[in-house]
Amino acid sequence: MDRLLRAAGGFALAFLLVLGIVAVLPRAVQHAVPHAVIGGAVLVLGAVGARRASGRPR
């Protein structure tokens, strides 16, 4: 259960990080970036964060 919560936390952190980065971009750039790219970035960063948080299995 602890791993599941850490993975969810990793995805939440990645989501907030990507949204923060997109928020500081100029409006023209925000509209030019497809939503699929933003979603893909969230998934990749969340997976990396969850993998680092989980560490080695015991």
PDB file of N, CA and C in Angstrom:
ATOM      1  N   MET A   1       0.831  -1.189   0.000  1.00  0.00           N
ATOM      2  CA  MET A   1       0.000   0.000   0.000  1.00  0.00           C
ATOM      3  C   MET A   1       0.870   1.245   0.000  1.00  0.00           C
ATOM      4  N   ASP A   2       2.007   1.147   0.684  1.00  0.00           N
ATOM      5  CA  ASP A   2       2.910   2.291   0.762  1.00  0.00           C
ATOM      6  C   ASP A   2       3.454   2.644  -0.622  1.00  0.00           C
ATOM      7  N   ARG A   3       3.774   1.633  -1.409  1.00  0.00           N
ATOM      8  CA  ARG A   3       4.275   1.877  -2.773  1.00  0.00           C
ATOM      9  C   ARG A   3       3.228   2.553  -3.637  1.00  0.00           C
ATOM     10  N   LEU A   4       1.986   2.133  -3.467  1.00  0.00           N
ATOM     11  CA  LEU A   4       0.899   2.715  -4.245  1.00  0.00           C
ATOM     12  C   LEU A   4       0.740   4.198  -3.917  1.00  0.00           C
ATOM     13  N   LEU A   5       0.813   4.527  -2.646  1.00  0.00           N
ATOM     14  CA  LEU A   5       0.705   5.932  -2.249  1.00  0.00           C
ATOM     15  C   LEU A   5       1.893   6.747  -2.748  1.00  0.00           C
ATOM     16  N   ARG A   6       3.074   6.172  -2.724  1.00  0.00           N
ATOM     17  CA  ARG A   6       4.247   6.885  -3.247  1.00  0.00           C
ATOM     18  C   ARG A   6       4.132   7.097  -4.749  1.00  0.00           C
ATOM     19  N   ALA A   7       3.632   6.103  -5.457  1.00  0.00           N
ATOM     20  CA  ALA A   7       3.451   6.241  -6.901  1.00  0.00           C
ATOM     21  C   ALA A   7       2.422   7.325  -7.203  1.00  0.00           C
ATOM     22  N   ALA A   8       1.331   7.327  -6.471  1.00  0.00           N
ATOM     23  CA  ALA A   8       0.303   8.356  -6.666  1.00  0.00           C
ATOM     24  C   ALA A   8       0.865   9.736  -6.345  1.00  0.00           C
ATOM     25  N   GLY A   9       1.684   9.815  -5.322  1.00  0.00           N
ATOM     26  CA  GLY A   9       2.327  11.087  -4.982  1.00  0.00           C
ATOM     27  C   GLY A   9       3.276  11.549  -6.075  1.00  0.00           C
ATOM     28  N   GLY A  10       3.981  10.615  -6.683  1.00  0.00           N
ATOM     29  CA  GLY A  10       4.877  10.947  -7.788  1.00  0.00           C
ATOM     30  C   GLY A  10       4.124  11.503  -8.979  1.00  0.00           C
ATOM     31  N   PHE A  11       2.998  10.875  -9.300  1.00  0.00           N
ATOM     32  CA  PHE A  11       2.194  11.372 -10.410  1.00  0.00           C
ATOM     33  C   PHE A  11       1.586  12.736 -10.085  1.00  0.00           C
ATOM     34  N   ALA A  12       1.146  12.926  -8.861  1.00  0.00           N
ATOM     35  CA  ALA A  12       0.573  14.217  -8.472  1.00  0.00           C
ATOM     36  C   ALA A  12       1.630  15.322  -8.532  1.00  0.00           C
ATOM     37  N   LEU A  13       2.813  15.024  -8.058  1.00  0.00           N
ATOM     38  CA  LEU A  13       3.892  16.005  -8.106  1.00  0.00           C
ATOM     39  C   LEU A  13       4.263  16.341  -9.543  1.00  0.00           C
ATOM     40  N   ALA A  14       4.336  15.336 -10.404  1.00  0.00           N
ATOM     41  CA  ALA A  14       4.644  15.571 -11.816  1.00  0.00           C
ATOM     42  C   ALA A  14       3.555  16.405 -12.476  1.00  0.00           C
ATOM     43  N   PHE A  15       2.309  16.120 -12.145  1.00  0.00           N
ATOM     44  CA  PHE A  15       1.194  16.881 -12.705  1.00  0.00           C
ATOM     45  C   PHE A  15       1.288  18.347 -12.322  1.00  0.00           C
ATOM     46  N   LEU A  16       1.532  18.608 -11.056  1.00  0.00           N
ATOM     47  CA  LEU A  16       1.639  19.995 -10.604  1.00  0.00           C
ATOM     48  C   LEU A  16       2.857  20.686 -11.189  1.00  0.00           C
ATOM     49  N   LEU A  17       3.949  19.969 -11.333  1.00  0.00           N
ATOM     50  CA  LEU A  17       5.157  20.530 -11.923  1.00  0.00           C
ATOM     51  C   LEU A  17       4.928  20.934 -13.377  1.00  0.00           C
ATOM     52  N   VAL A  18       4.323  20.052 -14.151  1.00  0.00           N
ATOM     53  CA  VAL A  18       4.060  20.358 -15.559  1.00  0.00           C
ATOM     54  C   VAL A  18       3.056  21.498 -15.679  1.00  0.00           C
ATOM     55  N   LEU A  19       2.025  21.520 -14.861  1.00  0.00           N
ATOM     56  CA  LEU A  19       1.061  22.620 -14.912  1.00  0.00           C
ATOM     57  C   LEU A  19       1.714  23.951 -14.549  1.00  0.00           C
ATOM     58  N   GLY A  20       2.616  23.928 -13.594  1.00  0.00           N
ATOM     59  CA  GLY A  20       3.326  25.153 -13.223  1.00  0.00           C
ATOM     60  C   GLY A  20       4.204  25.665 -14.347  1.00  0.00           C
ATOM     61  N   ILE A  21       4.874  24.754 -15.024  1.00  0.00           N
ATOM     62  CA  ILE A  21       5.727  25.155 -16.148  1.00  0.00           C
ATOM     63  C   ILE A  21       4.879  25.714 -17.281  1.00  0.00           C
ATOM     64  N   VAL A  22       3.760  25.057 -17.576  1.00  0.00           N
ATOM     65  CA  VAL A  22       2.892  25.532 -18.648  1.00  0.00           C
ATOM     66  C   VAL A  22       2.289  26.890 -18.277  1.00  0.00           C
ATOM     67  N   ALA A  23       2.015  27.113 -17.020  1.00  0.00           N
ATOM     68  CA  ALA A  23       1.397  28.372 -16.591  1.00  0.00           C
ATOM     69  C   ALA A  23       2.321  29.570 -16.800  1.00  0.00           C
ATOM     70  N   VAL A  24       3.630  29.386 -16.714  1.00  0.00           N
ATOM     71  CA  VAL A  24       4.542  30.519 -16.875  1.00  0.00           C
ATOM     72  C   VAL A  24       4.908  30.775 -18.331  1.00  0.00           C
ATOM     73  N   LEU A  25       4.489  29.887 -19.240  1.00  0.00           N
ATOM     74  CA  LEU A  25       4.756  30.100 -20.657  1.00  0.00           C
ATOM     75  C   LEU A  25       3.841  31.195 -21.200  1.00  0.00           C
ATOM     76  N   PRO A  26       4.289  31.900 -22.239  1.00  0.00           N
ATOM     77  CA  PRO A  26       3.403  32.891 -22.870  1.00  0.00           C
ATOM     78  C   PRO A  26       2.142  32.220 -23.426  1.00  0.00           C
ATOM     79  N   ARG A  27       1.064  32.976 -23.496  1.00  0.00           N
ATOM     80  CA  ARG A  27      -0.223  32.421 -23.912  1.00  0.00           C
ATOM     81  C   ARG A  27      -0.160  31.805 -25.313  1.00  0.00           C
ATOM     82  N   ALA A  28       0.579  32.405 -26.223  1.00  0.00           N
ATOM     83  CA  ALA A  28       0.680  31.854 -27.582  1.00  0.00           C
ATOM     84  C   ALA A  28       1.326  30.468 -27.561  1.00  0.00           C
ATOM     85  N   VAL A  29       2.316  30.289 -26.708  1.00  0.00           N
ATOM     86  CA  VAL A  29       2.978  28.984 -26.605  1.00  0.00           C
ATOM     87  C   VAL A  29       2.051  27.972 -25.934  1.00  0.00           C
ATOM     88  N   GLN A  30       1.293  28.415 -24.941  1.00  0.00           N
ATOM     89  CA  GLN A  30       0.357  27.518 -24.266  1.00  0.00           C
ATOM     90  C   GLN A  30      -0.650  26.935 -25.252  1.00  0.00           C
ATOM     91  N   HIS A  31      -1.142  27.773 -26.158  1.00  0.00           N
ATOM     92  CA  HIS A  31      -2.144  27.301 -27.120  1.00  0.00           C
ATOM     93  C   HIS A  31      -1.523  26.468 -28.234  1.00  0.00           C
ATOM     94  N   ALA A  32      -0.233  26.643 -28.471  1.00  0.00           N
ATOM     95  CA  ALA A  32       0.433  25.897 -29.535  1.00  0.00           C
ATOM     96  C   ALA A  32       0.800  24.472 -29.111  1.00  0.00           C
ATOM     97  N   VAL A  33       0.976  24.252 -27.808  1.00  0.00           N
ATOM     98  CA  VAL A  33       1.374  22.924 -27.318  1.00  0.00           C
ATOM     99  C   VAL A  33       0.129  22.036 -27.230  1.00  0.00           C
ATOM    100  N   PRO A  34       0.145  20.887 -27.919  1.00  0.00           N
ATOM    101  CA  PRO A  34      -1.010  19.978 -27.856  1.00  0.00           C
ATOM    102  C   PRO A  34      -1.188  19.405 -26.442  1.00  0.00           C
ATOM    103  N   HIS A  35      -2.423  19.117 -26.100  1.00  0.00           N
ATOM    104  CA  HIS A  35      -2.717  18.557 -24.777  1.00  0.00           C
ATOM    105  C   HIS A  35      -2.087  17.186 -24.593  1.00  0.00           C
ATOM    106  N   ALA A  36      -1.924  16.448 -25.670  1.00  0.00           N
ATOM    107  CA  ALA A  36      -1.309  15.116 -25.576  1.00  0.00           C
ATOM    108  C   ALA A  36       0.152  15.211 -25.134  1.00  0.00           C
ATOM    109  N   VAL A  37       0.838  16.261 -25.547  1.00  0.00           N
ATOM    110  CA  VAL A  37       2.235  16.445 -25.137  1.00  0.00           C
ATOM    111  C   VAL A  37       2.307  16.725 -23.641  1.00  0.00           C
ATOM    112  N   ILE A  38       1.405  17.540 -23.152  1.00  0.00           N
ATOM    113  CA  ILE A  38       1.376  17.847 -21.719  1.00  0.00           C
ATOM    114  C   ILE A  38       1.050  16.589 -20.916  1.00  0.00           C
ATOM    115  N   GLY A  39       0.066  15.815 -21.369  1.00  0.00           N
ATOM    116  CA  GLY A  39      -0.285  14.567 -20.688  1.00  0.00           C
ATOM    117  C   GLY A  39       0.845  13.566 -20.715  1.00  0.00           C
ATOM    118  N   GLY A  40       1.545  13.482 -21.836  1.00  0.00           N
ATOM    119  CA  GLY A  40       2.688  12.575 -21.935  1.00  0.00           C
ATOM    120  C   GLY A  40       3.803  12.966 -20.990  1.00  0.00           C
ATOM    121  N   ALA A  41       4.034  14.268 -20.860  1.00  0.00           N
ATOM    122  CA  ALA A  41       5.068  14.736 -19.933  1.00  0.00           C
ATOM    123  C   ALA A  41       4.710  14.383 -18.497  1.00  0.00           C
ATOM    124  N   VAL A  42       3.445  14.504 -18.158  1.00  0.00           N
ATOM    125  CA  VAL A  42       2.994  14.143 -16.805  1.00  0.00           C
ATOM    126  C   VAL A  42       3.218  12.656 -16.552  1.00  0.00           C
ATOM    127  N   LEU A  43       2.879  11.811 -17.527  1.00  0.00           N
ATOM    128  CA  LEU A  43       3.053  10.369 -17.340  1.00  0.00           C
ATOM    129  C   LEU A  43       4.522   9.984 -17.198  1.00  0.00           C
ATOM    130  N   VAL A  44       5.365  10.562 -18.045  1.00  0.00           N
ATOM    131  CA  VAL A  44       6.791  10.224 -17.985  1.00  0.00           C
ATOM    132  C   VAL A  44       7.405  10.701 -16.668  1.00  0.00           C
ATOM    133  N   LEU A  45       7.154  11.947 -16.301  1.00  0.00           N
ATOM    134  CA  LEU A  45       7.717  12.456 -15.044  1.00  0.00           C
ATOM    135  C   LEU A  45       7.152  11.719 -13.838  1.00  0.00           C
ATOM    136  N   GLY A  46       5.876  11.382 -13.877  1.00  0.00           N
ATOM    137  CA  GLY A  46       5.274  10.628 -12.777  1.00  0.00           C
ATOM    138  C   GLY A  46       5.861   9.239 -12.643  1.00  0.00           C
ATOM    139  N   ALA A  47       6.095   8.572 -13.768  1.00  0.00           N
ATOM    140  CA  ALA A  47       6.685   7.231 -13.730  1.00  0.00           C
ATOM    141  C   ALA A  47       8.114   7.277 -13.192  1.00  0.00           C
ATOM    142  N   VAL A  48       8.877   8.270 -13.631  1.00  0.00           N
ATOM    143  CA  VAL A  48      10.249   8.409 -13.132  1.00  0.00           C
ATOM    144  C   VAL A  48      10.240   8.716 -11.636  1.00  0.00           C
ATOM    145  N   GLY A  49       9.362   9.614 -11.224  1.00  0.00           N
ATOM    146  CA  GLY A  49       9.271   9.955  -9.802  1.00  0.00           C
ATOM    147  C   GLY A  49       8.826   8.779  -8.955  1.00  0.00           C
ATOM    148  N   ALA A  50       7.866   8.022  -9.446  1.00  0.00           N
ATOM    149  CA  ALA A  50       7.393   6.856  -8.694  1.00  0.00           C
ATOM    150  C   ALA A  50       8.470   5.792  -8.608  1.00  0.00           C
ATOM    151  N   ARG A  51       9.225   5.624  -9.674  1.00  0.00           N
ATOM    152  CA  ARG A  51      10.285   4.619  -9.664  1.00  0.00           C
ATOM    153  C   ARG A  51      11.377   4.996  -8.675  1.00  0.00           C
ATOM    154  N   ARG A  52      11.729   6.277  -8.641  1.00  0.00           N
ATOM    155  CA  ARG A  52      12.753   6.718  -7.688  1.00  0.00           C
ATOM    156  C   ARG A  52      12.262   6.618  -6.247  1.00  0.00           C
ATOM    157  N   ALA A  53      10.983   6.931  -6.037  1.00  0.00           N
ATOM    158  CA  ALA A  53      10.439   6.906  -4.678  1.00  0.00           C
ATOM    159  C   ALA A  53      10.326   5.487  -4.152  1.00  0.00           C
ATOM    160  N   SER A  54      10.035   4.539  -5.035  1.00  0.00           N
ATOM    161  CA  SER A  54       9.822   3.168  -4.564  1.00  0.00           C
ATOM    162  C   SER A  54      11.131   2.503  -4.160  1.00  0.00           C
ATOM    163  N   GLY A  55      12.215   2.894  -4.787  1.00  0.00           N
ATOM    164  CA  GLY A  55      13.509   2.304  -4.424  1.00  0.00           C
ATOM    165  C   GLY A  55      13.591   0.850  -4.817  1.00  0.00           C
ATOM    166  N   ARG A  56      14.513   0.145  -4.205  1.00  0.00           N
ATOM    167  CA  ARG A  56      14.696  -1.275  -4.498  1.00  0.00           C
ATOM    168  C   ARG A  56      13.710  -2.116  -3.700  1.00  0.00           C
ATOM    169  N   PRO A  57      13.176  -3.159  -4.325  1.00  0.00           N
ATOM    170  CA  PRO A  57      12.291  -4.053  -3.557  1.00  0.00           C
ATOM    171  C   PRO A  57      13.083  -4.824  -2.495  1.00  0.00           C
ATOM    172  N   ARG A  58      12.431  -5.063  -1.398  1.00  0.00           N
ATOM    173  CA  ARG A  58      13.096  -5.766  -0.282  1.00  0.00           C
ATOM    174  C   ARG A  58      12.612  -7.169  -0.178  1.00  0.00           C
TER     175      ARG A  58
END
